[in-house]
PDB file of all heavy atoms in Angstrom:
ATOM      1  N   LYS A   1       0.849  -1.198   0.001  1.00  0.00           N
ATOM      2  CA  LYS A   1       0.003   0.002  -0.007  1.00  0.00           C
ATOM      3  C   LYS A   1       0.886   1.252  -0.007  1.00  0.00           C
ATOM      4  O   LYS A   1       1.958   1.263   0.581  1.00  0.00           O
ATOM      5  CB  LYS A   1      -0.896  -0.015   1.238  1.00  0.00           C
ATOM      6  CG  LYS A   1      -1.898   1.116   1.326  1.00  0.00           C
ATOM      7  CD  LYS A   1      -2.596   1.140   2.666  1.00  0.00           C
ATOM      8  CE  LYS A   1      -3.545  -0.018   2.841  1.00  0.00           C
ATOM      9  NZ  LYS A   1      -4.332   0.105   4.094  1.00  0.00           N
ATOM     10  N   GLY A   2       0.413   2.294  -0.676  1.00  0.00           N
ATOM     11  CA  GLY A   2       1.077   3.591  -0.615  1.00  0.00           C
ATOM     12  C   GLY A   2       2.227   3.794  -1.561  1.00  0.00           C
ATOM     13  O   GLY A   2       3.044   4.678  -1.351  1.00  0.00           O
ATOM     14  N   VAL A   3       2.303   2.997  -2.651  1.00  0.00           N
ATOM     15  CA  VAL A   3       3.414   3.144  -3.584  1.00  0.00           C
ATOM     16  C   VAL A   3       2.916   3.265  -5.018  1.00  0.00           C
ATOM     17  O   VAL A   3       1.779   2.926  -5.331  1.00  0.00           O
ATOM     18  CB  VAL A   3       4.380   1.937  -3.507  1.00  0.00           C
ATOM     19  CG1 VAL A   3       4.991   1.803  -2.105  1.00  0.00           C
ATOM     20  CG2 VAL A   3       3.703   0.625  -3.930  1.00  0.00           C
ATOM     21  N   ILE A   4       3.806   3.763  -5.863  1.00  0.00           N
ATOM     22  CA  ILE A   4       3.599   3.747  -7.311  1.00  0.00           C
ATOM     23  C   ILE A   4       4.540   2.700  -7.877  1.00  0.00           C
ATOM     24  O   ILE A   4       5.757   2.782  -7.687  1.00  0.00           O
ATOM     25  CB  ILE A   4       3.878   5.108  -7.953  1.00  0.00           C
ATOM     26  CG1 ILE A   4       2.903   6.157  -7.427  1.00  0.00           C
ATOM     27  CG2 ILE A   4       3.759   5.016  -9.481  1.00  0.00           C
ATOM     28  CD1 ILE A   4       3.158   7.571  -7.959  1.00  0.00           C
ATOM     29  N   VAL A   5       3.983   1.706  -8.546  1.00  0.00           N
ATOM     30  CA  VAL A   5       4.774   0.646  -9.153  1.00  0.00           C
ATOM     31  C   VAL A   5       4.757   0.823 -10.657  1.00  0.00           C
ATOM     32  O   VAL A   5       3.694   0.865 -11.275  1.00  0.00           O
ATOM     33  CB  VAL A   5       4.221  -0.749  -8.788  1.00  0.00           C
ATOM     34  CG1 VAL A   5       4.972  -1.843  -9.521  1.00  0.00           C
ATOM     35  CG2 VAL A   5       4.332  -0.976  -7.280  1.00  0.00           C
ATOM     36  N   GLY A   6       5.952   0.933 -11.240  1.00  0.00           N
ATOM     37  CA  GLY A   6       6.078   1.047 -12.687  1.00  0.00           C
ATOM     38  C   GLY A   6       6.253  -0.323 -13.309  1.00  0.00           C
ATOM     39  O   GLY A   6       7.087  -1.114 -12.852  1.00  0.00           O
ATOM     40  N   LEU A   7       5.473  -0.594 -14.335  1.00  0.00           N
ATOM     41  CA  LEU A   7       5.540  -1.864 -15.043  1.00  0.00           C
ATOM     42  C   LEU A   7       6.175  -1.609 -16.403  1.00  0.00           C
ATOM     43  O   LEU A   7       5.642  -0.833 -17.204  1.00  0.00           O
ATOM     44  CB  LEU A   7       4.129  -2.418 -15.203  1.00  0.00           C
ATOM     45  CG  LEU A   7       3.920  -3.863 -15.677  1.00  0.00           C
ATOM     46  CD1 LEU A   7       4.594  -4.844 -14.740  1.00  0.00           C
ATOM     47  CD2 LEU A   7       2.429  -4.164 -15.787  1.00  0.00           C
ATOM     48  N   ILE A   8       7.355  -2.229 -16.641  1.00  0.00           N
ATOM     49  CA  ILE A   8       8.068  -1.977 -17.886  1.00  0.00           C
ATOM     50  C   ILE A   8       8.309  -3.286 -18.645  1.00  0.00           C
ATOM     51  O   ILE A   8       8.251  -4.372 -18.075  1.00  0.00           O
ATOM     52  CB  ILE A   8       9.408  -1.247 -17.653  1.00  0.00           C
ATOM     53  CG1 ILE A   8      10.388  -2.122 -16.834  1.00  0.00           C
ATOM     54  CG2 ILE A   8       9.184   0.087 -16.984  1.00  0.00           C
ATOM     55  CD1 ILE A   8      11.796  -1.510 -16.729  1.00  0.00           C
ATOM     56  N   GLY A   9       8.609  -3.149 -19.937  1.00  0.00           N
ATOM     57  CA  GLY A   9       8.854  -4.274 -20.803  1.00  0.00           C
ATOM     58  C   GLY A   9       8.476  -3.894 -22.229  1.00  0.00           C
ATOM     59  O   GLY A   9       7.690  -2.960 -22.429  1.00  0.00           O
ATOM     60  N   GLU A  10       9.025  -4.601 -23.205  1.00  0.00           N
ATOM     61  CA  GLU A  10       8.719  -4.246 -24.589  1.00  0.00           C
ATOM     62  C   GLU A  10       7.307  -4.694 -24.970  1.00  0.00           C
ATOM     63  O   GLU A  10       6.653  -5.435 -24.217  1.00  0.00           O
ATOM     64  CB  GLU A  10       9.755  -4.859 -25.522  1.00  0.00           C
ATOM     65  CG  GLU A  10       9.770  -6.360 -25.584  1.00  0.00           C
ATOM     66  CD  GLU A  10      10.814  -6.897 -26.547  1.00  0.00           C
ATOM     67  OE1 GLU A  10      11.200  -6.184 -27.486  1.00  0.00           O
ATOM     68  OE2 GLU A  10      11.279  -8.043 -26.339  1.00  0.00           O
ATOM     69  N   ASN A  11       6.844  -4.250 -26.128  1.00  0.00           N
ATOM     70  CA  ASN A  11       5.533  -4.691 -26.639  1.00  0.00           C
ATOM     71  C   ASN A  11       5.495  -6.204 -26.740  1.00  0.00           C
ATOM     72  O   ASN A  11       6.433  -6.824 -27.245  1.00  0.00           O
ATOM     73  CB  ASN A  11       5.261  -4.076 -28.020  1.00  0.00           C
ATOM     74  CG  ASN A  11       4.947  -2.607 -27.953  1.00  0.00           C
ATOM     75  OD1 ASN A  11       4.460  -2.103 -26.945  1.00  0.00           O
ATOM     76  ND2 ASN A  11       5.205  -1.888 -29.041  1.00  0.00           N
ATOM     77  N   GLY A  12       4.403  -6.786 -26.235  1.00  0.00           N
ATOM     78  CA  GLY A  12       4.262  -8.238 -26.312  1.00  0.00           C
ATOM     79  C   GLY A  12       4.925  -8.992 -25.182  1.00  0.00           C
ATOM     80  O   GLY A  12       4.924 -10.223 -25.161  1.00  0.00           O
ATOM     81  N   ALA A  13       5.475  -8.250 -24.204  1.00  0.00           N
ATOM     82  CA  ALA A  13       6.172  -8.906 -23.088  1.00  0.00           C
ATOM     83  C   ALA A  13       5.212  -9.555 -22.100  1.00  0.00           C
ATOM     84  O   ALA A  13       5.591 -10.477 -21.374  1.00  0.00           O
ATOM     85  CB  ALA A  13       7.082  -7.913 -22.371  1.00  0.00           C
ATOM     86  N   GLY A  14       3.974  -9.033 -22.050  1.00  0.00           N
ATOM     87  CA  GLY A  14       2.997  -9.598 -21.111  1.00  0.00           C
ATOM     88  C   GLY A  14       2.424  -8.603 -20.135  1.00  0.00           C
ATOM     89  O   GLY A  14       1.622  -8.975 -19.259  1.00  0.00           O
ATOM     90  N   LYS A  15       2.762  -7.318 -20.253  1.00  0.00           N
ATOM     91  CA  LYS A  15       2.297  -6.310 -19.299  1.00  0.00           C
ATOM     92  C   LYS A  15       0.775  -6.168 -19.330  1.00  0.00           C
ATOM     93  O   LYS A  15       0.122  -6.161 -18.292  1.00  0.00           O
ATOM     94  CB  LYS A  15       2.954  -4.944 -19.589  1.00  0.00           C
ATOM     95  CG  LYS A  15       4.461  -4.948 -19.612  1.00  0.00           C
ATOM     96  CD  LYS A  15       5.044  -3.546 -19.758  1.00  0.00           C
ATOM     97  CE  LYS A  15       4.579  -2.811 -20.973  1.00  0.00           C
ATOM     98  NZ  LYS A  15       4.969  -3.486 -22.249  1.00  0.00           N
ATOM     99  N   THR A  16       0.233  -6.040 -20.537  1.00  0.00           N
ATOM    100  CA  THR A  16      -1.230  -5.874 -20.668  1.00  0.00           C
ATOM    101  C   THR A  16      -1.966  -7.131 -20.247  1.00  0.00           C
ATOM    102  O   THR A  16      -3.033  -7.063 -19.623  1.00  0.00           O
ATOM    103  CB  THR A  16      -1.600  -5.463 -22.109  1.00  0.00           C
ATOM    104  OG1 THR A  16      -0.975  -4.209 -22.412  1.00  0.00           O
ATOM    105  CG2 THR A  16      -3.099  -5.325 -22.256  1.00  0.00           C
ATOM    106  N   THR A  17      -1.395  -8.287 -20.550  1.00  0.00           N
ATOM    107  CA  THR A  17      -1.997  -9.546 -20.107  1.00  0.00           C
ATOM    108  C   THR A  17      -2.041  -9.601 -18.575  1.00  0.00           C
ATOM    109  O   THR A  17      -3.039 -10.026 -17.988  1.00  0.00           O
ATOM    110  CB  THR A  17      -1.217 -10.749 -20.645  1.00  0.00           C
ATOM    111  OG1 THR A  17      -1.259 -10.734 -22.090  1.00  0.00           O
ATOM    112  CG2 THR A  17      -1.801 -12.067 -20.155  1.00  0.00           C
ATOM    113  N   LEU A  18      -0.968  -9.149 -17.948  1.00  0.00           N
ATOM    114  CA  LEU A  18      -0.911  -9.111 -16.490  1.00  0.00           C
ATOM    115  C   LEU A  18      -1.991  -8.180 -15.935  1.00  0.00           C
ATOM    116  O   LEU A  18      -2.720  -8.528 -14.992  1.00  0.00           O
ATOM    117  CB  LEU A  18       0.474  -8.676 -16.020  1.00  0.00           C
ATOM    118  CG  LEU A  18       0.686  -8.534 -14.519  1.00  0.00           C
ATOM    119  CD1 LEU A  18       0.412  -9.845 -13.790  1.00  0.00           C
ATOM    120  CD2 LEU A  18       2.100  -8.028 -14.211  1.00  0.00           C
ATOM    121  N   ILE A  19      -2.110  -6.988 -16.505  1.00  0.00           N
ATOM    122  CA  ILE A  19      -3.096  -6.011 -16.053  1.00  0.00           C
ATOM    123  C   ILE A  19      -4.526  -6.546 -16.244  1.00  0.00           C
ATOM    124  O   ILE A  19      -5.355  -6.469 -15.341  1.00  0.00           O
ATOM    125  CB  ILE A  19      -2.914  -4.660 -16.797  1.00  0.00           C
ATOM    126  CG1 ILE A  19      -1.699  -3.924 -16.228  1.00  0.00           C
ATOM    127  CG2 ILE A  19      -4.149  -3.783 -16.672  1.00  0.00           C
ATOM    128  CD1 ILE A  19      -1.334  -2.664 -16.974  1.00  0.00           C
ATOM    129  N   LYS A  20      -4.787  -7.126 -17.403  1.00  0.00           N
ATOM    130  CA  LYS A  20      -6.139  -7.651 -17.668  1.00  0.00           C
ATOM    131  C   LYS A  20      -6.444  -8.863 -16.765  1.00  0.00           C
ATOM    132  O   LYS A  20      -7.613  -9.100 -16.426  1.00  0.00           O
ATOM    133  CB  LYS A  20      -6.286  -8.014 -19.146  1.00  0.00           C
ATOM    134  CG  LYS A  20      -6.356  -6.786 -20.045  1.00  0.00           C
ATOM    135  CD  LYS A  20      -6.568  -7.167 -21.511  1.00  0.00           C
ATOM    136  CE  LYS A  20      -6.747  -5.918 -22.365  1.00  0.00           C
ATOM    137  NZ  LYS A  20      -6.949  -6.249 -23.782  1.00  0.00           N
ATOM    138  N   SER A  21      -5.407  -9.590 -16.386  1.00  0.00           N
ATOM    139  CA  SER A  21      -5.613 -10.679 -15.430  1.00  0.00           C
ATOM    140  C   SER A  21      -6.007 -10.145 -14.065  1.00  0.00           C
ATOM    141  O   SER A  21      -6.900 -10.672 -13.396  1.00  0.00           O
ATOM    142  CB  SER A  21      -4.332 -11.519 -15.312  1.00  0.00           C
ATOM    143  OG  SER A  21      -3.985 -12.127 -16.525  1.00  0.00           O
ATOM    144  N   MET A  22      -5.343  -9.070 -13.637  1.00  0.00           N
ATOM    145  CA  MET A  22      -5.659  -8.440 -12.353  1.00  0.00           C
ATOM    146  C   MET A  22      -7.107  -7.957 -12.322  1.00  0.00           C
ATOM    147  O   MET A  22      -7.785  -8.024 -11.297  1.00  0.00           O
ATOM    148  CB  MET A  22      -4.742  -7.228 -12.101  1.00  0.00           C
ATOM    149  CG  MET A  22      -3.308  -7.547 -11.838  1.00  0.00           C
ATOM    150  SD  MET A  22      -2.407  -5.992 -11.529  1.00  0.00           S
ATOM    151  CE  MET A  22      -0.722  -6.553 -11.707  1.00  0.00           C
ATOM    152  N   LEU A  23      -7.583  -7.471 -13.475  1.00  0.00           N
ATOM    153  CA  LEU A  23      -8.923  -6.899 -13.571  1.00  0.00           C
ATOM    154  C   LEU A  23      -9.984  -7.946 -13.916  1.00  0.00           C
ATOM    155  O   LEU A  23     -11.145  -7.617 -14.058  1.00  0.00           O
ATOM    156  CB  LEU A  23      -8.943  -5.784 -14.603  1.00  0.00           C
ATOM    157  CG  LEU A  23      -8.076  -4.554 -14.283  1.00  0.00           C
ATOM    158  CD1 LEU A  23      -7.995  -3.632 -15.483  1.00  0.00           C
ATOM    159  CD2 LEU A  23      -8.626  -3.823 -13.072  1.00  0.00           C
ATOM    160  N   ASN A  24      -9.547  -9.193 -14.054  1.00  0.00           N
ATOM    161  CA  ASN A  24     -10.465 -10.293 -14.406  1.00  0.00           C
ATOM    162  C   ASN A  24     -11.127 -10.086 -15.771  1.00  0.00           C
ATOM    163  O   ASN A  24     -12.218 -10.578 -16.035  1.00  0.00           O
ATOM    164  CB  ASN A  24     -11.529 -10.507 -13.336  1.00  0.00           C
ATOM    165  CG  ASN A  24     -12.026 -11.938 -13.272  1.00  0.00           C
ATOM    166  OD1 ASN A  24     -11.324 -12.863 -13.658  1.00  0.00           O
ATOM    167  ND2 ASN A  24     -13.242 -12.126 -12.829  1.00  0.00           N
ATOM    168  N   ILE A  25     -10.460  -9.324 -16.643  1.00  0.00           N
ATOM    169  CA  ILE A  25     -10.928  -9.134 -18.017  1.00  0.00           C
ATOM    170  C   ILE A  25     -10.663 -10.407 -18.810  1.00  0.00           C
ATOM    171  O   ILE A  25     -11.418 -10.772 -19.694  1.00  0.00           O
ATOM    172  CB  ILE A  25     -10.269  -7.899 -18.663  1.00  0.00           C
ATOM    173  CG1 ILE A  25     -10.723  -6.620 -17.960  1.00  0.00           C
ATOM    174  CG2 ILE A  25     -10.584  -7.820 -20.155  1.00  0.00           C
ATOM    175  CD1 ILE A  25      -9.986  -5.372 -18.384  1.00  0.00           C
TER     176      ILE A  25
END
C-alpha cells in the first residue's frame, strides 16, 4: 500500500495480459 509501481517491458512482453488478469478481463 502507498506506492507507485512502474511496469516496464517491450511490446508483447505480457504487461497488458498481467493487467487484464488483475482486472479479471
